[in-house]
Amino acid sequence: MAQQTVTKEDFESMLLDSFVDNDAAEGTVVRGKVVAIEKDLAIIDVGLKTEGRVPLKEFGQAGRDGTITIGSDVEVYVDRVENAMGEAVLSREKARREESWVKLEEKYNANERVEGTIFNQVKGGFTVDLEGAVAFLPRSQVDIRPIRDIAPLMNVPQPFQILKMDKRRGNIVVSRRAILEESRAEQRSEIVQQLEEGQVVDGVVKNITDYGAFVDLGGIDGLLHVTDIAWRRVNHPSEVLTIGETIKVQIVRINHESHRISLGMKQLQADPWEGIEAKYPIGAKFSGRVTNITDYGAFVELEPGIEGLIHVSEMSWTKKNVHPGKIVSTSQEVDVVVLEVDPDKRRISLGLKQTLQNPWEAFAEKNPVGATIEGEVKNKTEFGLFIGLEGDVDGMVHLSDLDWQKSGEVALDDYNRGDIVKAKVLDVDVEKERISLGIKQLAADDLAESSAAAGGEAGGLRKNAVVTTEVIDVNEGGIEVRIADSEVTSFIRRADLSRDRNDQRPERFSKGEKVDARVTQYDRKTGRIQLSIKALEIAEEREAVANFGSSDSGASLGDILGAALKGRDEK
């Protein structure tokens, strides 16, 4: 046999080819044959210069590959072509992982479930074996609700959903919760299809919040809102319900798209608002319990499910700007009067002050006009004094009713808060809640005395009588005058200064000037007197026309008035 000669060039080519083959083999899965089994290792020939050794346990994991024998064909991962001992470094686990990655990527892209086994706990979650590939299961993705004991789920094959894959980093994130939620959604859909609005079912109180309670209807939860628990006011669901309690509820609404179910308990009871107008007629008096207090009033429960509002304006006759909480307290039993009933809006307006007598009516009954009262000066203002009276009401003394001789501004300085004063009742307006008082009316009525000395009303002061006055003050609104031979003063308004509008100017009068005026009003009981120059001029004109001629006599109105004035001057 002829000996073949290998040239230098042939050797270099063969060497390069071996390097290329070796480089191509590393990091890939190749098929090899088991050529020997030594103790716990399998010797595998993958067509490289040397064989590689793989532990037998990598072939028997979970019994997936079964038992191998000499001659068995297997797929292994070539980690390195040759190690320090000159052997190929092979791995069956990495080969299986590579196979799994391909299958998992296909299922991930198709959004399909994968099967895996939770086999270990790590920081923040657990590790899952997905047919050779190791995935991370975050603790939040284990179940729909947090679970304390994970042991029953360990080493049990179960479905998972792949949330994220990164082959370069070797990261896979899976979720068991997504599978449960999907199954739950399917289950909820089936249950919802079996339910109808108006249906009465039994449920178990699962959770209680400030706004209501969640009730388990056998696989799906419904919300029982706090306003649908009872017809009466329920401040918190825990007042009526307890977790784990079985209750009977009515299905109020069903949203088939979101699978949300609204429940009600009060709907199973009679509506207390039916026939409410006949039950609570306007003006009737009832007793109730204060259930809630707000800035604008207080709510009173008349019966379970029926509440009315006492507006702050209807709480007290005299306390106008006081918070309702200072008049009534929660749980207090109070008497109220029905003011208004609106069955459509389910509202009842109540009054608390109406259960007590109007203090202005009570004052008027006890203190008629002309009566003398005593009270404390509560306040001084620019227009008079406020006097505290019986029944927690106030009366006002106007500046013009303080003193006969002094002007109102001067007389006001004689009084201070806290002074006890007497006054005469001049007027009581119950509707406007006003009481008018006078202090000067208690002084000796000089004018009345002079009237009596002159022979009564015929010779003295009376309505339509003409009196001579002296101007003591002039201002924009009119003139203040004093009746001659007395200390009685009165104020003649601007409009009463003259019949002619051009002469209704206060400035045409001066202090000390004598002016005649006609009495237009005089109340001997209250001492009030009103004077008018205008009324005197009109009366004199009429008298002149009657005494000195008419429009038919040919005389002008000026001639008639001139004759009348001349006659008056001659007198």
Protein backbone atom coordinates (compact mmCIF):
# COMPACT_ATOMS: atom_id res chain seq x y z
CA MET A 1 0.00 0.00 0.00
CA ALA A 2 1.42 3.30 -1.02
CA GLN A 3 2.07 5.74 1.80
CA GLN A 4 0.14 9.07 1.43
CA THR A 5 2.18 12.16 1.94
CA VAL A 6 0.59 15.09 3.83
CA THR A 7 1.96 18.37 2.83
CA LYS A 8 2.32 21.46 5.04
CA GLU A 9 -0.49 23.17 3.19
CA ASP A 10 -2.86 20.21 3.71
CA PHE A 11 -2.19 20.18 7.47
CA GLU A 12 -2.87 23.90 7.80
CA SER A 13 -6.15 23.50 5.91
CA MET A 14 -7.23 20.58 8.07
CA LEU A 15 -6.33 22.53 11.23
CA LEU A 16 -8.36 25.55 10.13
CA ASP A 17 -11.32 23.33 9.30
CA SER A 18 -11.19 21.80 12.77
CA PHE A 19 -11.24 25.27 14.37
CA VAL A 20 -14.21 26.29 12.26
CA ASP A 21 -16.10 23.13 13.22
CA ASN A 22 -15.25 23.58 16.86
CA ASP A 23 -16.34 27.22 16.87
CA ALA A 24 -19.57 26.34 15.09
CA ALA A 25 -20.38 23.61 17.64
CA GLU A 26 -19.95 25.70 20.77
CA GLY A 27 -23.18 27.23 22.16
CA THR A 28 -25.48 25.00 20.11
CA VAL A 29 -27.59 21.91 20.64
CA VAL A 30 -26.26 18.87 18.79
CA ARG A 31 -27.29 15.24 18.54
CA GLY A 32 -24.90 12.63 19.98
CA LYS A 33 -24.75 8.93 20.88
CA VAL A 34 -24.19 7.33 24.28
CA VAL A 35 -21.02 5.26 23.87
CA ALA A 36 -20.51 4.25 27.51
CA ILE A 37 -21.96 4.59 31.01
CA GLU A 38 -19.57 4.95 33.94
CA LYS A 39 -21.13 5.07 37.40
CA ASP A 40 -23.37 8.20 37.33
CA LEU A 41 -22.01 9.62 34.06
CA ALA A 42 -22.93 9.03 30.42
CA ILE A 43 -20.10 9.20 27.84
CA ILE A 44 -21.49 10.86 24.69
CA ASP A 45 -19.91 11.18 21.27
CA VAL A 46 -21.11 14.30 19.42
CA GLY A 47 -18.65 14.03 16.49
CA LEU A 48 -15.96 16.17 18.01
CA LYS A 49 -12.34 15.20 18.65
CA THR A 50 -13.25 13.93 22.10
CA GLU A 51 -16.36 12.72 23.89
CA GLY A 52 -18.11 14.51 26.69
CA ARG A 53 -19.51 13.40 30.04
CA VAL A 54 -23.03 14.24 31.25
CA PRO A 55 -24.45 13.27 34.69
CA LEU A 56 -27.20 10.68 34.45
CA LYS A 57 -29.51 12.75 36.71
CA GLU A 58 -29.82 15.32 33.92
CA PHE A 59 -31.51 12.70 31.78
CA GLY A 60 -33.87 11.39 34.43
CA GLN A 61 -35.28 14.75 35.69
CA ALA A 62 -38.96 14.32 36.44
CA GLY A 63 -38.80 11.12 34.37
CA ARG A 64 -39.22 13.00 31.17
CA ASP A 65 -36.50 11.33 29.14
CA GLY A 66 -36.77 7.88 30.65
CA THR A 67 -33.77 5.49 31.06
CA ILE A 68 -30.85 5.79 28.63
CA THR A 69 -28.62 2.94 27.47
CA ILE A 70 -25.48 2.57 25.43
CA GLY A 71 -26.35 3.44 21.86
CA SER A 72 -29.18 5.88 22.78
CA ASP A 73 -29.37 9.02 20.69
CA VAL A 74 -29.62 12.19 22.78
CA GLU A 75 -29.52 15.93 22.27
CA VAL A 76 -27.00 17.88 24.34
CA TYR A 77 -25.75 21.44 24.56
CA VAL A 78 -22.08 22.03 23.67
CA ASP A 79 -20.78 24.40 26.32
CA ARG A 80 -17.14 24.12 25.28
CA VAL A 81 -15.44 21.90 22.70
CA GLU A 82 -12.49 21.08 24.97
CA ASN A 83 -11.74 21.76 28.61
CA ALA A 84 -8.46 21.51 30.52
CA MET A 85 -8.72 17.71 30.49
CA GLY A 86 -9.20 17.66 26.73
CA GLU A 87 -12.90 16.64 26.98
CA ALA A 88 -16.00 18.27 25.50
CA VAL A 89 -18.17 20.05 28.05
CA LEU A 90 -21.78 18.95 27.39
CA SER A 91 -25.10 19.60 29.18
CA ARG A 92 -28.45 17.89 28.82
CA GLU A 93 -30.18 20.51 31.04
CA LYS A 94 -29.01 23.38 28.83
CA ALA A 95 -30.14 21.46 25.78
CA ARG A 96 -33.55 21.01 27.33
CA ARG A 97 -33.58 24.72 28.26
CA GLU A 98 -32.81 25.69 24.66
CA GLU A 99 -35.62 23.47 23.47
CA SER A 100 -37.96 25.00 26.04
CA TRP A 101 -37.04 28.57 25.03
CA VAL A 102 -38.09 27.87 21.46
CA LYS A 103 -41.42 26.37 22.52
CA LEU A 104 -42.02 29.07 25.17
CA GLU A 105 -41.35 31.88 22.67
CA GLU A 106 -43.90 30.36 20.33
CA LYS A 107 -46.52 30.20 23.10
CA TYR A 108 -45.62 33.69 24.38
CA ASN A 109 -46.10 35.15 20.90
CA ALA A 110 -49.41 33.29 20.57
CA ASN A 111 -50.48 34.42 24.08
CA GLU A 112 -50.98 30.80 25.13
CA ARG A 113 -50.68 29.30 28.59
CA VAL A 114 -47.68 27.22 29.61
CA GLU A 115 -47.35 24.51 32.22
CA GLY A 116 -44.82 24.73 35.00
CA THR A 117 -43.94 23.76 38.55
CA ILE A 118 -43.10 26.06 41.48
CA PHE A 119 -39.98 24.52 43.01
CA ASN A 120 -38.23 27.19 45.07
CA GLN A 121 -38.72 30.46 46.94
CA VAL A 122 -36.48 33.44 46.23
CA LYS A 123 -36.45 37.12 47.18
CA GLY A 124 -39.65 38.79 45.99
CA GLY A 125 -41.26 35.61 44.68
CA PHE A 126 -40.68 32.06 43.48
CA THR A 127 -38.90 30.09 40.73
CA VAL A 128 -40.88 27.99 38.28
CA ASP A 129 -39.63 25.15 36.09
CA LEU A 130 -41.10 25.49 32.58
CA GLU A 131 -39.96 22.18 31.05
CA GLY A 132 -36.30 22.97 31.71
CA ALA A 133 -36.40 26.77 31.56
CA VAL A 134 -36.44 28.58 34.90
CA ALA A 135 -38.93 31.45 35.23
CA PHE A 136 -39.59 34.00 37.98
CA LEU A 137 -43.03 34.20 39.62
CA PRO A 138 -43.47 37.51 41.54
CA ARG A 139 -45.27 37.18 44.87
CA SER A 140 -48.00 39.56 43.65
CA GLN A 141 -48.71 37.23 40.71
CA VAL A 142 -49.29 34.07 42.76
CA ASP A 143 -52.98 34.61 43.48
CA ILE A 144 -55.79 37.15 43.15
CA ARG A 145 -55.54 37.82 46.87
CA PRO A 146 -52.44 37.56 49.07
CA ILE A 147 -51.98 34.04 50.41
CA ARG A 148 -50.07 33.15 53.56
CA ASP A 149 -49.14 29.53 52.85
CA ILE A 150 -47.56 28.70 49.47
CA ALA A 151 -46.78 25.09 50.40
CA PRO A 152 -49.88 23.52 48.75
CA LEU A 153 -48.81 25.08 45.43
CA MET A 154 -45.19 23.84 45.50
CA ASN A 155 -44.10 21.04 43.11
CA VAL A 156 -47.57 20.82 41.57
CA PRO A 157 -47.83 21.11 37.78
CA GLN A 158 -50.17 24.02 36.95
CA PRO A 159 -50.77 26.57 34.20
CA PHE A 160 -49.03 29.97 34.01
CA GLN A 161 -49.15 32.99 31.73
CA ILE A 162 -45.84 34.40 30.42
CA LEU A 163 -45.71 38.13 31.10
CA LYS A 164 -42.20 38.88 29.84
CA MET A 165 -39.31 37.09 28.05
CA ASP A 166 -35.70 38.25 27.53
CA LYS A 167 -33.56 35.50 26.02
CA ARG A 168 -30.41 37.61 25.98
CA ARG A 169 -30.59 37.97 29.76
CA GLY A 170 -32.26 34.60 30.27
CA ASN A 171 -35.22 36.18 32.08
CA ILE A 172 -38.79 34.84 32.03
CA VAL A 173 -41.55 36.32 34.20
CA VAL A 174 -44.79 34.36 34.62
CA SER A 175 -48.12 34.85 36.38
CA ARG A 176 -50.50 32.41 38.02
CA ARG A 177 -52.88 35.26 38.96
CA ALA A 178 -53.62 36.05 35.29
CA ILE A 179 -54.86 32.48 34.81
CA LEU A 180 -57.08 32.72 37.89
CA GLU A 181 -58.50 36.07 36.84
CA GLU A 182 -59.30 34.76 33.39
CA SER A 183 -61.01 31.72 34.87
CA ARG A 184 -62.79 33.93 37.34
CA ALA A 185 -63.99 36.24 34.56
CA GLU A 186 -65.40 33.23 32.69
CA GLN A 187 -67.07 32.04 35.88
CA ARG A 188 -68.44 35.51 36.62
CA SER A 189 -69.85 35.74 33.11
CA GLU A 190 -71.70 32.45 33.55
CA ILE A 191 -73.09 33.51 36.95
CA VAL A 192 -74.16 36.94 35.68
CA GLN A 193 -76.09 35.33 32.84
CA GLN A 194 -78.12 33.44 35.44
CA LEU A 195 -79.02 36.54 37.47
CA GLU A 196 -81.82 39.03 36.80
CA GLU A 197 -82.63 42.50 38.12
CA GLY A 198 -85.23 42.30 40.86
CA GLN A 199 -84.20 38.76 41.82
CA VAL A 200 -83.86 38.02 45.56
CA VAL A 201 -80.81 35.93 46.49
CA ASP A 202 -78.77 34.95 49.54
CA GLY A 203 -75.23 36.22 49.91
CA VAL A 204 -72.37 36.29 52.38
CA VAL A 205 -70.87 39.58 53.54
CA LYS A 206 -67.29 39.40 52.30
CA ASN A 207 -65.91 42.86 53.05
CA ILE A 208 -67.11 46.10 54.65
CA THR A 209 -66.00 49.60 53.61
CA ASP A 210 -67.08 53.14 54.48
CA TYR A 211 -69.36 53.29 51.45
CA GLY A 212 -70.94 49.83 51.60
CA ALA A 213 -70.36 46.09 51.76
CA PHE A 214 -69.26 43.49 49.19
CA VAL A 215 -71.48 40.42 49.18
CA ASP A 216 -70.44 37.04 47.70
CA LEU A 217 -73.28 35.67 45.57
CA GLY A 218 -71.57 32.33 44.98
CA GLY A 219 -68.56 33.15 42.83
CA ILE A 220 -69.24 36.77 42.06
CA ASP A 221 -69.36 39.83 44.32
CA GLY A 222 -72.07 42.46 44.41
CA LEU A 223 -71.91 45.89 46.06
CA LEU A 224 -74.47 46.74 48.72
CA HIS A 225 -74.20 50.52 49.00
CA VAL A 226 -74.67 52.09 52.42
CA THR A 227 -77.74 54.00 51.18
CA ASP A 228 -79.40 50.73 50.13
CA ILE A 229 -78.91 48.91 53.44
CA ALA A 230 -81.95 50.44 55.17
CA TRP A 231 -84.52 53.19 54.66
CA ARG A 232 -83.19 54.93 57.75
CA ARG A 233 -79.84 56.73 57.87
CA VAL A 234 -76.89 54.33 58.27
CA ASN A 235 -73.67 56.17 59.09
CA HIS A 236 -71.47 53.09 58.56
CA PRO A 237 -72.32 49.61 57.21
CA SER A 238 -70.74 47.98 60.27
CA GLU A 239 -73.69 49.31 62.31
CA VAL A 240 -75.90 46.73 60.56
CA LEU A 241 -73.64 44.10 58.95
CA THR A 242 -70.79 41.81 60.02
CA ILE A 243 -68.25 39.97 57.85
CA GLY A 244 -69.28 36.36 57.24
CA GLU A 245 -72.97 37.06 57.86
CA THR A 246 -75.48 35.56 55.42
CA ILE A 247 -78.04 38.10 54.26
CA LYS A 248 -80.92 38.26 51.82
CA VAL A 249 -80.54 40.92 49.12
CA GLN A 250 -82.28 42.05 45.97
CA ILE A 251 -80.41 42.59 42.71
CA VAL A 252 -81.00 46.25 41.87
CA ARG A 253 -78.82 46.65 38.74
CA ILE A 254 -76.58 44.45 36.56
CA ASN A 255 -73.90 45.76 34.20
CA HIS A 256 -73.31 42.86 31.82
CA GLU A 257 -70.23 44.50 30.30
CA SER A 258 -68.31 45.17 33.52
CA HIS A 259 -70.07 42.37 35.49
CA ARG A 260 -70.84 44.86 38.26
CA ILE A 261 -73.86 44.06 40.38
CA SER A 262 -75.66 46.55 42.66
CA LEU A 263 -77.57 45.06 45.60
CA GLY A 264 -80.18 46.35 48.01
CA MET A 265 -81.61 45.30 51.36
CA LYS A 266 -84.08 48.12 51.98
CA GLN A 267 -85.87 47.20 48.74
CA LEU A 268 -87.15 44.07 50.50
CA GLN A 269 -89.03 46.26 53.02
CA ALA A 270 -92.06 48.51 52.57
CA ASP A 271 -91.25 52.05 51.45
CA PRO A 272 -92.02 54.31 54.43
CA TRP A 273 -92.45 57.30 52.08
CA GLU A 274 -95.65 55.90 50.59
CA GLY A 275 -98.58 58.04 51.74
CA ILE A 276 -96.18 60.40 53.53
CA GLU A 277 -98.38 63.49 53.06
CA ALA A 278 -101.29 61.93 54.91
CA LYS A 279 -99.01 60.56 57.60
CA TYR A 280 -97.27 63.90 58.27
CA PRO A 281 -99.69 66.77 57.50
CA ILE A 282 -98.38 70.34 57.40
CA GLY A 283 -98.70 72.09 60.75
CA ALA A 284 -98.81 68.86 62.76
CA LYS A 285 -96.50 68.41 65.72
CA PHE A 286 -94.31 65.29 66.14
CA SER A 287 -91.42 64.02 68.25
CA GLY A 288 -88.17 62.80 66.72
CA ARG A 289 -84.50 62.08 67.34
CA VAL A 290 -81.65 64.26 66.05
CA THR A 291 -79.49 62.03 63.83
CA ASN A 292 -77.09 64.47 62.19
CA ILE A 293 -76.05 68.11 62.59
CA THR A 294 -74.64 70.24 59.76
CA ASP A 295 -73.81 73.92 59.25
CA TYR A 296 -77.18 74.50 57.62
CA GLY A 297 -79.40 72.64 60.06
CA ALA A 298 -80.17 69.37 61.83
CA PHE A 299 -81.74 66.11 60.58
CA VAL A 300 -84.44 64.56 62.72
CA GLU A 301 -85.64 60.95 62.40
CA LEU A 302 -89.42 60.83 62.73
CA GLU A 303 -89.53 57.05 62.20
CA PRO A 304 -87.13 54.46 60.73
CA GLY A 305 -86.49 55.60 57.16
CA ILE A 306 -88.13 59.01 57.49
CA GLU A 307 -85.92 62.01 58.24
CA GLY A 308 -86.72 65.69 58.07
CA LEU A 309 -84.49 68.75 58.06
CA ILE A 310 -84.76 71.60 60.54
CA HIS A 311 -83.14 74.46 58.64
CA VAL A 312 -81.03 76.76 60.77
CA SER A 313 -83.53 79.57 60.13
CA GLU A 314 -86.30 77.47 61.72
CA MET A 315 -84.43 76.50 64.87
CA SER A 316 -84.88 79.55 67.11
CA TRP A 317 -86.93 82.73 67.14
CA THR A 318 -84.12 84.81 68.54
CA LYS A 319 -80.79 83.02 67.90
CA LYS A 320 -80.21 84.00 64.29
CA ASN A 321 -76.50 83.46 63.67
CA VAL A 322 -75.80 80.46 65.90
CA HIS A 323 -74.52 77.04 64.74
CA PRO A 324 -77.25 74.36 65.00
CA GLY A 325 -74.94 72.33 67.26
CA LYS A 326 -75.36 74.98 69.97
CA ILE A 327 -79.14 74.60 69.92
CA VAL A 328 -79.57 70.80 69.63
CA SER A 329 -77.29 67.78 70.04
CA THR A 330 -77.06 64.41 68.31
CA SER A 331 -79.49 61.77 69.66
CA GLN A 332 -81.55 64.45 71.43
CA GLU A 333 -85.32 63.95 71.40
CA VAL A 334 -87.06 67.08 70.12
CA ASP A 335 -90.57 68.24 69.24
CA VAL A 336 -90.97 69.61 65.72
CA VAL A 337 -93.70 70.99 63.47
CA VAL A 338 -94.09 69.86 59.83
CA LEU A 339 -93.60 72.86 57.52
CA GLU A 340 -93.43 71.21 54.09
CA VAL A 341 -93.58 67.71 52.58
CA ASP A 342 -92.19 66.82 49.12
CA PRO A 343 -92.85 63.11 48.41
CA ASP A 344 -91.15 63.25 44.99
CA LYS A 345 -87.84 64.51 46.37
CA ARG A 346 -88.38 62.59 49.64
CA ARG A 347 -87.90 65.72 51.73
CA ILE A 348 -89.64 66.99 54.83
CA SER A 349 -89.02 70.47 56.18
CA LEU A 350 -89.41 70.78 59.93
CA GLY A 351 -89.55 73.66 62.37
CA LEU A 352 -88.26 73.69 65.92
CA LYS A 353 -89.11 77.26 66.88
CA GLN A 354 -92.73 76.73 65.82
CA THR A 355 -93.24 74.48 68.85
CA LEU A 356 -92.77 77.57 71.04
CA GLN A 357 -94.86 80.75 71.12
CA ASN A 358 -93.59 83.58 68.96
CA PRO A 359 -91.84 85.83 71.53
CA TRP A 360 -93.01 88.96 69.70
CA GLU A 361 -96.62 87.77 69.92
CA ALA A 362 -96.12 86.97 73.60
CA PHE A 363 -94.62 90.41 74.22
CA ALA A 364 -97.46 92.17 72.38
CA GLU A 365 -100.08 90.28 74.43
CA LYS A 366 -98.39 91.16 77.71
CA ASN A 367 -97.25 94.69 76.79
CA PRO A 368 -99.76 96.53 74.58
CA VAL A 369 -98.97 99.87 72.93
CA GLY A 370 -98.63 102.52 75.64
CA ALA A 371 -97.37 100.08 78.30
CA THR A 372 -94.23 100.93 80.27
CA ILE A 373 -91.40 98.38 80.27
CA GLU A 374 -87.90 98.14 81.76
CA GLY A 375 -84.81 96.64 80.17
CA GLU A 376 -81.05 96.74 79.76
CA VAL A 377 -79.30 98.73 77.03
CA LYS A 378 -77.79 96.00 74.86
CA ASN A 379 -76.31 98.14 72.12
CA LYS A 380 -75.86 101.73 70.92
CA THR A 381 -75.97 102.53 67.21
CA GLU A 382 -75.99 105.67 65.12
CA PHE A 383 -79.79 105.54 64.91
CA GLY A 384 -80.73 104.65 68.49
CA LEU A 385 -80.64 102.23 71.42
CA PHE A 386 -81.44 98.50 71.54
CA ILE A 387 -83.09 97.43 74.80
CA GLY A 388 -83.15 93.80 75.95
CA LEU A 389 -86.69 92.74 76.83
CA GLU A 390 -88.49 89.77 78.34
CA GLY A 391 -88.59 86.72 76.07
CA ASP A 392 -85.04 87.28 74.77
CA VAL A 393 -86.22 89.92 72.28
CA ASP A 394 -84.92 93.46 71.69
CA GLY A 395 -86.76 96.74 71.31
CA MET A 396 -85.38 99.85 69.66
CA VAL A 397 -85.56 103.46 70.84
CA HIS A 398 -85.05 105.71 67.82
CA LEU A 399 -82.99 108.89 68.20
CA SER A 400 -86.13 110.99 67.78
CA ASP A 401 -87.76 109.24 70.76
CA LEU A 402 -84.99 109.77 73.29
CA ASP A 403 -85.67 113.30 74.55
CA TRP A 404 -88.13 116.15 74.00
CA GLN A 405 -85.57 118.91 74.33
CA LYS A 406 -82.21 117.48 73.18
CA SER A 407 -81.39 116.39 69.67
CA GLY A 408 -81.13 112.62 69.22
CA GLU A 409 -77.32 112.61 68.78
CA VAL A 410 -76.86 114.60 71.98
CA ALA A 411 -79.36 112.56 73.98
CA LEU A 412 -77.68 109.30 72.84
CA ASP A 413 -74.52 110.24 74.74
CA ASP A 414 -76.48 110.04 78.02
CA TYR A 415 -76.80 106.25 77.72
CA ASN A 416 -74.29 103.40 77.96
CA ARG A 417 -74.44 99.65 77.42
CA GLY A 418 -75.65 97.90 80.54
CA ASP A 419 -77.83 100.80 81.73
CA ILE A 420 -81.29 99.81 83.00
CA VAL A 421 -83.86 102.12 81.45
CA LYS A 422 -87.63 102.49 81.29
CA ALA A 423 -89.49 103.12 78.05
CA LYS A 424 -92.98 103.22 76.61
CA VAL A 425 -94.14 100.69 73.99
CA LEU A 426 -94.87 102.63 70.80
CA ASP A 427 -95.43 99.78 68.30
CA VAL A 428 -95.03 95.99 67.93
CA ASP A 429 -94.69 94.48 64.41
CA VAL A 430 -94.89 90.71 64.86
CA GLU A 431 -94.26 89.85 61.21
CA LYS A 432 -91.13 92.00 60.94
CA GLU A 433 -90.13 91.06 64.50
CA ARG A 434 -89.71 94.69 65.54
CA ILE A 435 -90.57 96.51 68.76
CA SER A 436 -90.48 100.32 68.80
CA LEU A 437 -89.94 102.02 72.15
CA GLY A 438 -89.85 105.62 73.34
CA ILE A 439 -88.13 107.13 76.36
CA LYS A 440 -89.14 110.76 75.97
CA GLN A 441 -92.80 109.71 76.03
CA LEU A 442 -92.42 108.87 79.73
CA ALA A 443 -91.51 112.49 80.56
CA ALA A 444 -94.21 115.02 81.45
CA ASP A 445 -96.07 115.77 78.24
CA ASP A 446 -95.99 119.55 78.38
CA LEU A 447 -97.99 119.80 75.25
CA ALA A 448 -100.75 117.55 76.59
CA GLU A 449 -100.81 119.55 79.81
CA SER A 450 -101.13 122.83 77.93
CA SER A 451 -103.88 121.27 75.86
CA ALA A 452 -105.80 120.28 78.99
CA ALA A 453 -105.28 123.72 80.55
CA ALA A 454 -106.70 125.33 77.43
CA GLY A 455 -109.88 123.37 77.75
CA GLY A 456 -109.19 120.02 76.25
CA GLU A 457 -108.83 119.13 72.59
CA ALA A 458 -110.95 122.07 71.44
CA GLY A 459 -108.50 124.61 72.71
CA GLY A 460 -105.33 122.56 72.61
CA LEU A 461 -103.45 119.98 70.60
CA ARG A 462 -105.42 117.77 68.25
CA LYS A 463 -105.22 116.50 64.71
CA ASN A 464 -105.55 119.30 62.09
CA ALA A 465 -104.83 121.96 64.73
CA VAL A 466 -102.51 124.81 63.73
CA VAL A 467 -99.55 125.45 66.00
CA THR A 468 -96.74 127.99 66.02
CA THR A 469 -93.23 126.51 66.21
CA GLU A 470 -89.67 127.72 66.47
CA VAL A 471 -86.95 126.27 64.22
CA ILE A 472 -84.21 124.74 66.39
CA ASP A 473 -82.22 122.77 63.76
CA VAL A 474 -81.93 122.54 59.97
CA ASN A 475 -80.53 119.59 57.98
CA GLU A 476 -80.86 118.06 54.53
CA GLY A 477 -83.86 115.93 55.48
CA GLY A 478 -85.96 118.75 56.94
CA ILE A 479 -86.20 121.00 60.01
CA GLU A 480 -86.55 120.26 63.72
CA VAL A 481 -88.98 122.56 65.53
CA ARG A 482 -90.23 123.21 69.07
CA ILE A 483 -93.90 124.00 69.63
CA ALA A 484 -94.33 127.42 71.21
CA ASP A 485 -94.82 127.62 74.97
CA SER A 486 -93.75 123.97 75.44
CA GLU A 487 -90.71 121.71 75.38
CA VAL A 488 -92.25 119.38 72.80
CA THR A 489 -90.22 118.95 69.63
CA SER A 490 -91.06 117.47 66.26
CA PHE A 491 -89.38 116.97 62.91
CA ILE A 492 -90.91 118.35 59.71
CA ARG A 493 -89.72 116.31 56.75
CA ARG A 494 -88.45 117.95 53.57
CA ALA A 495 -91.55 116.91 51.61
CA ASP A 496 -93.79 118.66 54.18
CA LEU A 497 -91.97 122.03 54.09
CA SER A 498 -94.07 123.49 51.25
CA ARG A 499 -96.83 122.81 48.78
CA ASP A 500 -94.53 124.11 46.05
CA ARG A 501 -91.73 121.65 45.23
CA ASN A 502 -89.28 124.50 44.59
CA ASP A 503 -89.80 125.74 48.15
CA GLN A 504 -89.16 122.32 49.76
CA ARG A 505 -85.67 123.47 50.67
CA PRO A 506 -84.67 123.22 54.33
CA GLU A 507 -81.99 125.89 53.86
CA ARG A 508 -84.64 128.61 53.34
CA PHE A 509 -85.37 128.31 57.06
CA SER A 510 -83.08 129.55 59.81
CA LYS A 511 -82.73 128.74 63.51
CA GLY A 512 -85.03 130.85 65.72
CA GLU A 513 -87.50 131.54 62.91
CA LYS A 514 -91.20 131.25 63.80
CA VAL A 515 -93.14 128.87 61.55
CA ASP A 516 -96.81 127.87 61.58
CA ALA A 517 -97.61 124.20 60.86
CA ARG A 518 -100.58 121.89 60.94
CA VAL A 519 -100.80 118.79 63.16
CA THR A 520 -101.22 115.80 60.81
CA GLN A 521 -100.91 113.08 63.48
CA TYR A 522 -101.00 113.08 67.26
CA ASP A 523 -101.16 110.00 69.49
CA ARG A 524 -101.66 110.98 73.11
CA LYS A 525 -100.91 107.42 74.22
CA THR A 526 -97.46 107.33 72.67
CA GLY A 527 -96.83 111.07 72.60
CA ARG A 528 -96.00 111.02 68.90
CA ILE A 529 -96.72 114.18 66.90
CA GLN A 530 -96.25 114.96 63.23
CA LEU A 531 -96.37 118.49 61.74
CA SER A 532 -96.64 119.73 58.14
CA ILE A 533 -96.35 123.21 56.62
CA LYS A 534 -97.53 121.79 53.30
CA ALA A 535 -100.76 120.53 54.89
CA LEU A 536 -101.38 123.98 56.39
CA GLU A 537 -100.94 125.69 52.99
CA ILE A 538 -103.31 123.27 51.29
CA ALA A 539 -105.91 123.73 54.05
CA GLU A 540 -105.64 127.52 53.86
CA GLU A 541 -106.05 127.43 50.08
CA ARG A 542 -109.20 125.38 50.36
CA GLU A 543 -110.55 127.67 53.08
CA ALA A 544 -109.78 130.74 50.96
CA VAL A 545 -111.60 129.34 47.97
CA ALA A 546 -114.58 128.53 50.17
CA ASN A 547 -114.71 131.92 51.96
CA PHE A 548 -113.59 134.42 49.34
CA GLY A 549 -114.87 133.14 46.04
CA SER A 550 -114.58 130.44 43.48
CA SER A 551 -113.22 130.01 40.05
CA ASP A 552 -116.60 131.11 38.70
CA SER A 553 -116.47 134.57 40.37
CA GLY A 554 -113.97 135.92 37.90
CA ALA A 555 -111.33 136.38 40.61
CA SER A 556 -107.99 134.69 40.10
CA LEU A 557 -106.64 132.11 42.56
CA GLY A 558 -103.93 134.68 43.45
CA ASP A 559 -106.57 137.26 44.29
CA ILE A 560 -108.43 134.77 46.46
CA LEU A 561 -105.30 133.67 48.36
CA GLY A 562 -104.21 137.28 48.77
CA ALA A 563 -107.53 138.21 50.31
CA ALA A 564 -107.38 135.16 52.58
CA LEU A 565 -103.88 135.94 53.80
CA LYS A 566 -104.77 139.59 54.38
CA GLY A 567 -107.76 138.55 56.43
CA ARG A 568 -105.59 136.19 58.50
CA ASP A 569 -103.04 138.94 59.14
CA GLU A 570 -105.74 141.39 60.26
CA LYS A 571 -106.86 138.87 62.82
